[in-house]
Amino acid sequence: MSTTLKLSDELIEMAKPHAAAGHRSVPKQIEYWARLGKAVEDNPDLPLQFIKDTLLSAQEAKAGLLAPYQFGA
């Protein structure tokens, strides 16, 4: 579902370099920040990098990029 939002020019300008670095559109960058912020609020005891890695892992799983873990290899 798509919804039109009114965002500050400051937020949009802050998102532009991050969007370019992450190969995302500006709206997708802001969506990423919102998802990350929600995950941080939902899990205040977890380190930010752990949350970022977990979100990335979930997307890799959705894309079928999983490989079996070889214990002791």
PDB file of N, CA and C in Angstrom:
ATOM      1  N   MET A   1       0.848  -1.167   0.000  1.00  0.00           N
ATOM      2  CA  MET A   1       0.000   0.000   0.000  1.00  0.00           C
ATOM      3  C   MET A   1       0.895   1.233   0.000  1.00  0.00           C
ATOM      4  N   SER A   2       0.553   2.175  -0.795  1.00  0.00           N
ATOM      5  CA  SER A   2       1.304   3.415  -0.902  1.00  0.00           C
ATOM      6  C   SER A   2       0.493   4.553  -0.297  1.00  0.00           C
ATOM      7  N   THR A   3       1.169   5.398   0.484  1.00  0.00           N
ATOM      8  CA  THR A   3       0.525   6.542   1.109  1.00  0.00           C
ATOM      9  C   THR A   3       1.400   7.766   0.899  1.00  0.00           C
ATOM     10  N   THR A   4       0.779   8.864   0.586  1.00  0.00           N
ATOM     11  CA  THR A   4       1.509  10.114   0.430  1.00  0.00           C
ATOM     12  C   THR A   4       1.731  10.732   1.800  1.00  0.00           C
ATOM     13  N   LEU A   5       2.987  11.103   2.061  1.00  0.00           N
ATOM     14  CA  LEU A   5       3.348  11.734   3.327  1.00  0.00           C
ATOM     15  C   LEU A   5       4.003  13.071   3.060  1.00  0.00           C
ATOM     16  N   LYS A   6       3.822  13.976   3.973  1.00  0.00           N
ATOM     17  CA  LYS A   6       4.503  15.262   3.891  1.00  0.00           C
ATOM     18  C   LYS A   6       5.702  15.188   4.840  1.00  0.00           C
ATOM     19  N   LEU A   7       6.904  15.224   4.286  1.00  0.00           N
ATOM     20  CA  LEU A   7       8.130  15.144   5.065  1.00  0.00           C
ATOM     21  C   LEU A   7       8.895  16.448   4.962  1.00  0.00           C
ATOM     22  N   SER A   8       9.673  16.728   5.968  1.00  0.00           N
ATOM     23  CA  SER A   8      10.442  17.973   5.953  1.00  0.00           C
ATOM     24  C   SER A   8      11.529  17.908   4.876  1.00  0.00           C
ATOM     25  N   ASP A   9      11.843  19.068   4.321  1.00  0.00           N
ATOM     26  CA  ASP A   9      12.930  19.161   3.349  1.00  0.00           C
ATOM     27  C   ASP A   9      14.245  18.723   3.981  1.00  0.00           C
ATOM     28  N   GLU A  10      14.405  19.018   5.265  1.00  0.00           N
ATOM     29  CA  GLU A  10      15.637  18.649   5.975  1.00  0.00           C
ATOM     30  C   GLU A  10      15.822  17.129   5.998  1.00  0.00           C
ATOM     31  N   LEU A  11      14.760  16.387   6.300  1.00  0.00           N
ATOM     32  CA  LEU A  11      14.843  14.928   6.326  1.00  0.00           C
ATOM     33  C   LEU A  11      15.166  14.385   4.939  1.00  0.00           C
ATOM     34  N   ILE A  12      14.528  14.918   3.928  1.00  0.00           N
ATOM     35  CA  ILE A  12      14.771  14.465   2.560  1.00  0.00           C
ATOM     36  C   ILE A  12      16.215  14.727   2.152  1.00  0.00           C
ATOM     37  N   GLU A  13      16.732  15.899   2.488  1.00  0.00           N
ATOM     38  CA  GLU A  13      18.126  16.221   2.158  1.00  0.00           C
ATOM     39  C   GLU A  13      19.103  15.329   2.922  1.00  0.00           C
ATOM     40  N   MET A  14      18.789  15.018   4.186  1.00  0.00           N
ATOM     41  CA  MET A  14      19.648  14.118   4.959  1.00  0.00           C
ATOM     42  C   MET A  14      19.646  12.720   4.353  1.00  0.00           C
ATOM     43  N   ALA A  15      18.520  12.303   3.795  1.00  0.00           N
ATOM     44  CA  ALA A  15      18.399  10.955   3.256  1.00  0.00           C
ATOM     45  C   ALA A  15      19.119  10.774   1.926  1.00  0.00           C
ATOM     46  N   LYS A  16      19.273  11.832   1.157  1.00  0.00           N
ATOM     47  CA  LYS A  16      19.834  11.708  -0.192  1.00  0.00           C
ATOM     48  C   LYS A  16      21.205  11.036  -0.236  1.00  0.00           C
ATOM     49  N   PRO A  17      22.208  11.480   0.546  1.00  0.00           N
ATOM     50  CA  PRO A  17      23.508  10.802   0.446  1.00  0.00           C
ATOM     51  C   PRO A  17      23.468   9.367   0.966  1.00  0.00           C
ATOM     52  N   HIS A  18      22.662   9.111   1.975  1.00  0.00           N
ATOM     53  CA  HIS A  18      22.539   7.753   2.505  1.00  0.00           C
ATOM     54  C   HIS A  18      21.863   6.848   1.477  1.00  0.00           C
ATOM     55  N   ALA A  19      20.861   7.386   0.798  1.00  0.00           N
ATOM     56  CA  ALA A  19      20.172   6.629  -0.248  1.00  0.00           C
ATOM     57  C   ALA A  19      21.136   6.272  -1.373  1.00  0.00           C
ATOM     58  N   ALA A  20      21.929   7.228  -1.794  1.00  0.00           N
ATOM     59  CA  ALA A  20      22.886   6.979  -2.869  1.00  0.00           C
ATOM     60  C   ALA A  20      23.923   5.933  -2.447  1.00  0.00           C
ATOM     61  N   ALA A  21      24.409   6.039  -1.228  1.00  0.00           N
ATOM     62  CA  ALA A  21      25.415   5.092  -0.740  1.00  0.00           C
ATOM     63  C   ALA A  21      24.836   3.687  -0.614  1.00  0.00           C
ATOM     64  N   GLY A  22      23.571   3.588  -0.263  1.00  0.00           N
ATOM     65  CA  GLY A  22      22.929   2.290  -0.104  1.00  0.00           C
ATOM     66  C   GLY A  22      22.229   1.795  -1.345  1.00  0.00           C
ATOM     67  N   HIS A  23      22.384   2.526  -2.460  1.00  0.00           N
ATOM     68  CA  HIS A  23      21.742   2.181  -3.729  1.00  0.00           C
ATOM     69  C   HIS A  23      20.228   2.040  -3.558  1.00  0.00           C
ATOM     70  N   ARG A  24      19.651   3.004  -2.816  1.00  0.00           N
ATOM     71  CA  ARG A  24      18.208   3.041  -2.594  1.00  0.00           C
ATOM     72  C   ARG A  24      17.667   4.364  -3.107  1.00  0.00           C
ATOM     73  N   SER A  25      16.372   4.402  -3.323  1.00  0.00           N
ATOM     74  CA  SER A  25      15.711   5.673  -3.595  1.00  0.00           C
ATOM     75  C   SER A  25      15.578   6.413  -2.266  1.00  0.00           C
ATOM     76  N   VAL A  26      15.331   7.701  -2.319  1.00  0.00           N
ATOM     77  CA  VAL A  26      15.141   8.474  -1.085  1.00  0.00           C
ATOM     78  C   VAL A  26      13.952   7.936  -0.283  1.00  0.00           C
ATOM     79  N   PRO A  27      12.798   7.661  -0.905  1.00  0.00           N
ATOM     80  CA  PRO A  27      11.703   7.091  -0.117  1.00  0.00           C
ATOM     81  C   PRO A  27      12.059   5.743   0.523  1.00  0.00           C
ATOM     82  N   LYS A  28      12.776   4.901  -0.197  1.00  0.00           N
ATOM     83  CA  LYS A  28      13.183   3.609   0.364  1.00  0.00           C
ATOM     84  C   LYS A  28      14.177   3.792   1.511  1.00  0.00           C
ATOM     85  N   GLN A  29      15.041   4.800   1.421  1.00  0.00           N
ATOM     86  CA  GLN A  29      15.978   5.075   2.515  1.00  0.00           C
ATOM     87  C   GLN A  29      15.215   5.480   3.768  1.00  0.00           C
ATOM     88  N   ILE A  30      14.241   6.346   3.612  1.00  0.00           N
ATOM     89  CA  ILE A  30      13.450   6.802   4.762  1.00  0.00           C
ATOM     90  C   ILE A  30      12.647   5.627   5.323  1.00  0.00           C
ATOM     91  N   GLU A  31      12.140   4.757   4.452  1.00  0.00           N
ATOM     92  CA  GLU A  31      11.432   3.556   4.913  1.00  0.00           C
ATOM     93  C   GLU A  31      12.380   2.657   5.705  1.00  0.00           C
ATOM     94  N   TYR A  32      13.611   2.503   5.221  1.00  0.00           N
ATOM     95  CA  TYR A  32      14.615   1.706   5.934  1.00  0.00           C
ATOM     96  C   TYR A  32      14.870   2.289   7.321  1.00  0.00           C
ATOM     97  N   TRP A  33      15.055   3.599   7.393  1.00  0.00           N
ATOM     98  CA  TRP A  33      15.269   4.236   8.699  1.00  0.00           C
ATOM     99  C   TRP A  33      14.082   3.992   9.629  1.00  0.00           C
ATOM    100  N   ALA A  34      12.875   4.054   9.101  1.00  0.00           N
ATOM    101  CA  ALA A  34      11.685   3.833   9.920  1.00  0.00           C
ATOM    102  C   ALA A  34      11.641   2.398  10.437  1.00  0.00           C
ATOM    103  N   ARG A  35      11.937   1.434   9.572  1.00  0.00           N
ATOM    104  CA  ARG A  35      11.952   0.030  10.001  1.00  0.00           C
ATOM    105  C   ARG A  35      13.043  -0.207  11.042  1.00  0.00           C
ATOM    106  N   LEU A  36      14.206   0.375  10.814  1.00  0.00           N
ATOM    107  CA  LEU A  36      15.312   0.227  11.754  1.00  0.00           C
ATOM    108  C   LEU A  36      14.959   0.866  13.092  1.00  0.00           C
ATOM    109  N   GLY A  37      14.374   2.041  13.050  1.00  0.00           N
ATOM    110  CA  GLY A  37      13.972   2.726  14.279  1.00  0.00           C
ATOM    111  C   GLY A  37      12.944   1.931  15.061  1.00  0.00           C
ATOM    112  N   LYS A  38      11.988   1.330  14.372  1.00  0.00           N
ATOM    113  CA  LYS A  38      10.989   0.496  15.041  1.00  0.00           C
ATOM    114  C   LYS A  38      11.652  -0.715  15.677  1.00  0.00           C
ATOM    115  N   ALA A  39      12.561  -1.353  14.961  1.00  0.00           N
ATOM    116  CA  ALA A  39      13.252  -2.521  15.501  1.00  0.00           C
ATOM    117  C   ALA A  39      14.074  -2.152  16.732  1.00  0.00           C
ATOM    118  N   VAL A  40      14.705  -0.979  16.710  1.00  0.00           N
ATOM    119  CA  VAL A  40      15.488  -0.521  17.862  1.00  0.00           C
ATOM    120  C   VAL A  40      14.565  -0.272  19.053  1.00  0.00           C
ATOM    121  N   GLU A  41      13.429   0.375  18.815  1.00  0.00           N
ATOM    122  CA  GLU A  41      12.479   0.616  19.906  1.00  0.00           C
ATOM    123  C   GLU A  41      11.915  -0.686  20.461  1.00  0.00           C
ATOM    124  N   ASP A  42      11.678  -1.661  19.592  1.00  0.00           N
ATOM    125  CA  ASP A  42      11.124  -2.945  20.019  1.00  0.00           C
ATOM    126  C   ASP A  42      12.154  -3.805  20.757  1.00  0.00           C
ATOM    127  N   ASN A  43      13.445  -3.522  20.553  1.00  0.00           N
ATOM    128  CA  ASN A  43      14.525  -4.329  21.126  1.00  0.00           C
ATOM    129  C   ASN A  43      15.601  -3.432  21.732  1.00  0.00           C
ATOM    130  N   PRO A  44      15.275  -2.675  22.760  1.00  0.00           N
ATOM    131  CA  PRO A  44      16.218  -1.680  23.282  1.00  0.00           C
ATOM    132  C   PRO A  44      17.508  -2.260  23.875  1.00  0.00           C
ATOM    133  N   ASP A  45      17.504  -3.535  24.205  1.00  0.00           N
ATOM    134  CA  ASP A  45      18.699  -4.138  24.804  1.00  0.00           C
ATOM    135  C   ASP A  45      19.669  -4.704  23.780  1.00  0.00           C
ATOM    136  N   LEU A  46      19.283  -4.728  22.516  1.00  0.00           N
ATOM    137  CA  LEU A  46      20.154  -5.288  21.483  1.00  0.00           C
ATOM    138  C   LEU A  46      21.007  -4.197  20.844  1.00  0.00           C
ATOM    139  N   PRO A  47      22.257  -4.532  20.503  1.00  0.00           N
ATOM    140  CA  PRO A  47      23.114  -3.559  19.808  1.00  0.00           C
ATOM    141  C   PRO A  47      22.566  -3.246  18.407  1.00  0.00           C
ATOM    142  N   LEU A  48      22.763  -2.021  17.982  1.00  0.00           N
ATOM    143  CA  LEU A  48      22.274  -1.584  16.669  1.00  0.00           C
ATOM    144  C   LEU A  48      22.792  -2.480  15.551  1.00  0.00           C
ATOM    145  N   GLN A  49      24.071  -2.811  15.564  1.00  0.00           N
ATOM    146  CA  GLN A  49      24.631  -3.628  14.477  1.00  0.00           C
ATOM    147  C   GLN A  49      23.978  -5.005  14.433  1.00  0.00           C
ATOM    148  N   PHE A  50      23.661  -5.571  15.575  1.00  0.00           N
ATOM    149  CA  PHE A  50      22.968  -6.863  15.611  1.00  0.00           C
ATOM    150  C   PHE A  50      21.596  -6.740  14.948  1.00  0.00           C
ATOM    151  N   ILE A  51      20.890  -5.663  15.229  1.00  0.00           N
ATOM    152  CA  ILE A  51      19.573  -5.445  14.633  1.00  0.00           C
ATOM    153  C   ILE A  51      19.700  -5.267  13.125  1.00  0.00           C
ATOM    154  N   LYS A  52      20.680  -4.495  12.687  1.00  0.00           N
ATOM    155  CA  LYS A  52      20.894  -4.294  11.246  1.00  0.00           C
ATOM    156  C   LYS A  52      21.214  -5.625  10.561  1.00  0.00           C
ATOM    157  N   ASP A  53      22.086  -6.418  11.182  1.00  0.00           N
ATOM    158  CA  ASP A  53      22.446  -7.717  10.609  1.00  0.00           C
ATOM    159  C   ASP A  53      21.245  -8.650  10.550  1.00  0.00           C
ATOM    160  N   THR A  54      20.397  -8.595  11.568  1.00  0.00           N
ATOM    161  CA  THR A  54      19.203  -9.433  11.596  1.00  0.00           C
ATOM    162  C   THR A  54      18.228  -9.035  10.493  1.00  0.00           C
ATOM    163  N   LEU A  55      18.023  -7.732  10.295  1.00  0.00           N
ATOM    164  CA  LEU A  55      17.145  -7.265   9.216  1.00  0.00           C
ATOM    165  C   LEU A  55      17.698  -7.695   7.854  1.00  0.00           C
ATOM    166  N   LEU A  56      19.017  -7.590   7.680  1.00  0.00           N
ATOM    167  CA  LEU A  56      19.643  -8.023   6.429  1.00  0.00           C
ATOM    168  C   LEU A  56      19.463  -9.520   6.230  1.00  0.00           C
ATOM    169  N   SER A  57      19.662 -10.296   7.281  1.00  0.00           N
ATOM    170  CA  SER A  57      19.504 -11.750   7.187  1.00  0.00           C
ATOM    171  C   SER A  57      18.085 -12.135   6.794  1.00  0.00           C
ATOM    172  N   ALA A  58      17.108 -11.438   7.346  1.00  0.00           N
ATOM    173  CA  ALA A  58      15.719 -11.724   6.998  1.00  0.00           C
ATOM    174  C   ALA A  58      15.470 -11.481   5.516  1.00  0.00           C
ATOM    175  N   GLN A  59      16.036 -10.419   4.969  1.00  0.00           N
ATOM    176  CA  GLN A  59      15.860 -10.129   3.545  1.00  0.00           C
ATOM    177  C   GLN A  59      16.610 -11.146   2.685  1.00  0.00           C
ATOM    178  N   GLU A  60      17.780 -11.580   3.135  1.00  0.00           N
ATOM    179  CA  GLU A  60      18.524 -12.608   2.401  1.00  0.00           C
ATOM    180  C   GLU A  60      17.727 -13.919   2.373  1.00  0.00           C
ATOM    181  N   ALA A  61      17.085 -14.244   3.484  1.00  0.00           N
ATOM    182  CA  ALA A  61      16.262 -15.457   3.533  1.00  0.00           C
ATOM    183  C   ALA A  61      15.095 -15.359   2.558  1.00  0.00           C
ATOM    184  N   LYS A  62      14.441 -14.198   2.524  1.00  0.00           N
ATOM    185  CA  LYS A  62      13.327 -13.998   1.589  1.00  0.00           C
ATOM    186  C   LYS A  62      13.780 -14.139   0.142  1.00  0.00           C
ATOM    187  N   ALA A  63      15.029 -13.726  -0.131  1.00  0.00           N
ATOM    188  CA  ALA A  63      15.567 -13.785  -1.489  1.00  0.00           C
ATOM    189  C   ALA A  63      16.132 -15.163  -1.832  1.00  0.00           C
ATOM    190  N   GLY A  64      16.076 -16.106  -0.877  1.00  0.00           N
ATOM    191  CA  GLY A  64      16.577 -17.452  -1.131  1.00  0.00           C
ATOM    192  C   GLY A  64      18.086 -17.560  -1.124  1.00  0.00           C
ATOM    193  N   LEU A  65      18.744 -16.659  -0.421  1.00  0.00           N
ATOM    194  CA  LEU A  65      20.201 -16.644  -0.399  1.00  0.00           C
ATOM    195  C   LEU A  65      20.780 -17.348   0.836  1.00  0.00           C
ATOM    196  N   LEU A  66      20.123 -18.402   1.273  1.00  0.00           N
ATOM    197  CA  LEU A  66      20.586 -19.141   2.439  1.00  0.00           C
ATOM    198  C   LEU A  66      21.476 -20.302   2.009  1.00  0.00           C
ATOM    199  N   ALA A  67      22.417 -20.632   2.867  1.00  0.00           N
ATOM    200  CA  ALA A  67      23.270 -21.791   2.647  1.00  0.00           C
ATOM    201  C   ALA A  67      23.304 -22.589   3.941  1.00  0.00           C
ATOM    202  N   PRO A  68      23.331 -23.900   3.856  1.00  0.00           N
ATOM    203  CA  PRO A  68      23.389 -24.708   5.068  1.00  0.00           C
ATOM    204  C   PRO A  68      24.659 -24.406   5.858  1.00  0.00           C
ATOM    205  N   TYR A  69      24.513 -24.371   7.160  1.00  0.00           N
ATOM    206  CA  TYR A  69      25.677 -24.131   8.029  1.00  0.00           C
ATOM    207  C   TYR A  69      26.412 -25.450   8.225  1.00  0.00           C
ATOM    208  N   GLN A  70      27.708 -25.425   8.009  1.00  0.00           N
ATOM    209  CA  GLN A  70      28.555 -26.607   8.203  1.00  0.00           C
ATOM    210  C   GLN A  70      29.272 -26.463   9.526  1.00  0.00           C
ATOM    211  N   PHE A  71      28.768 -27.124  10.553  1.00  0.00           N
ATOM    212  CA  PHE A  71      29.358 -27.030  11.883  1.00  0.00           C
ATOM    213  C   PHE A  71      30.756 -27.654  11.859  1.00  0.00           C
ATOM    214  N   GLY A  72      31.718 -26.911  12.398  1.00  0.00           N
ATOM    215  CA  GLY A  72      33.088 -27.397  12.496  1.00  0.00           C
ATOM    216  C   GLY A  72      33.872 -27.315  11.201  1.00  0.00           C
ATOM    217  N   ALA A  73      33.305 -26.693  10.189  1.00  0.00           N
ATOM    218  CA  ALA A  73      34.019 -26.627   8.899  1.00  0.00           C
ATOM    219  C   ALA A  73      34.944 -25.450   8.851  1.00  0.00           C
TER     220      ALA A  73
END
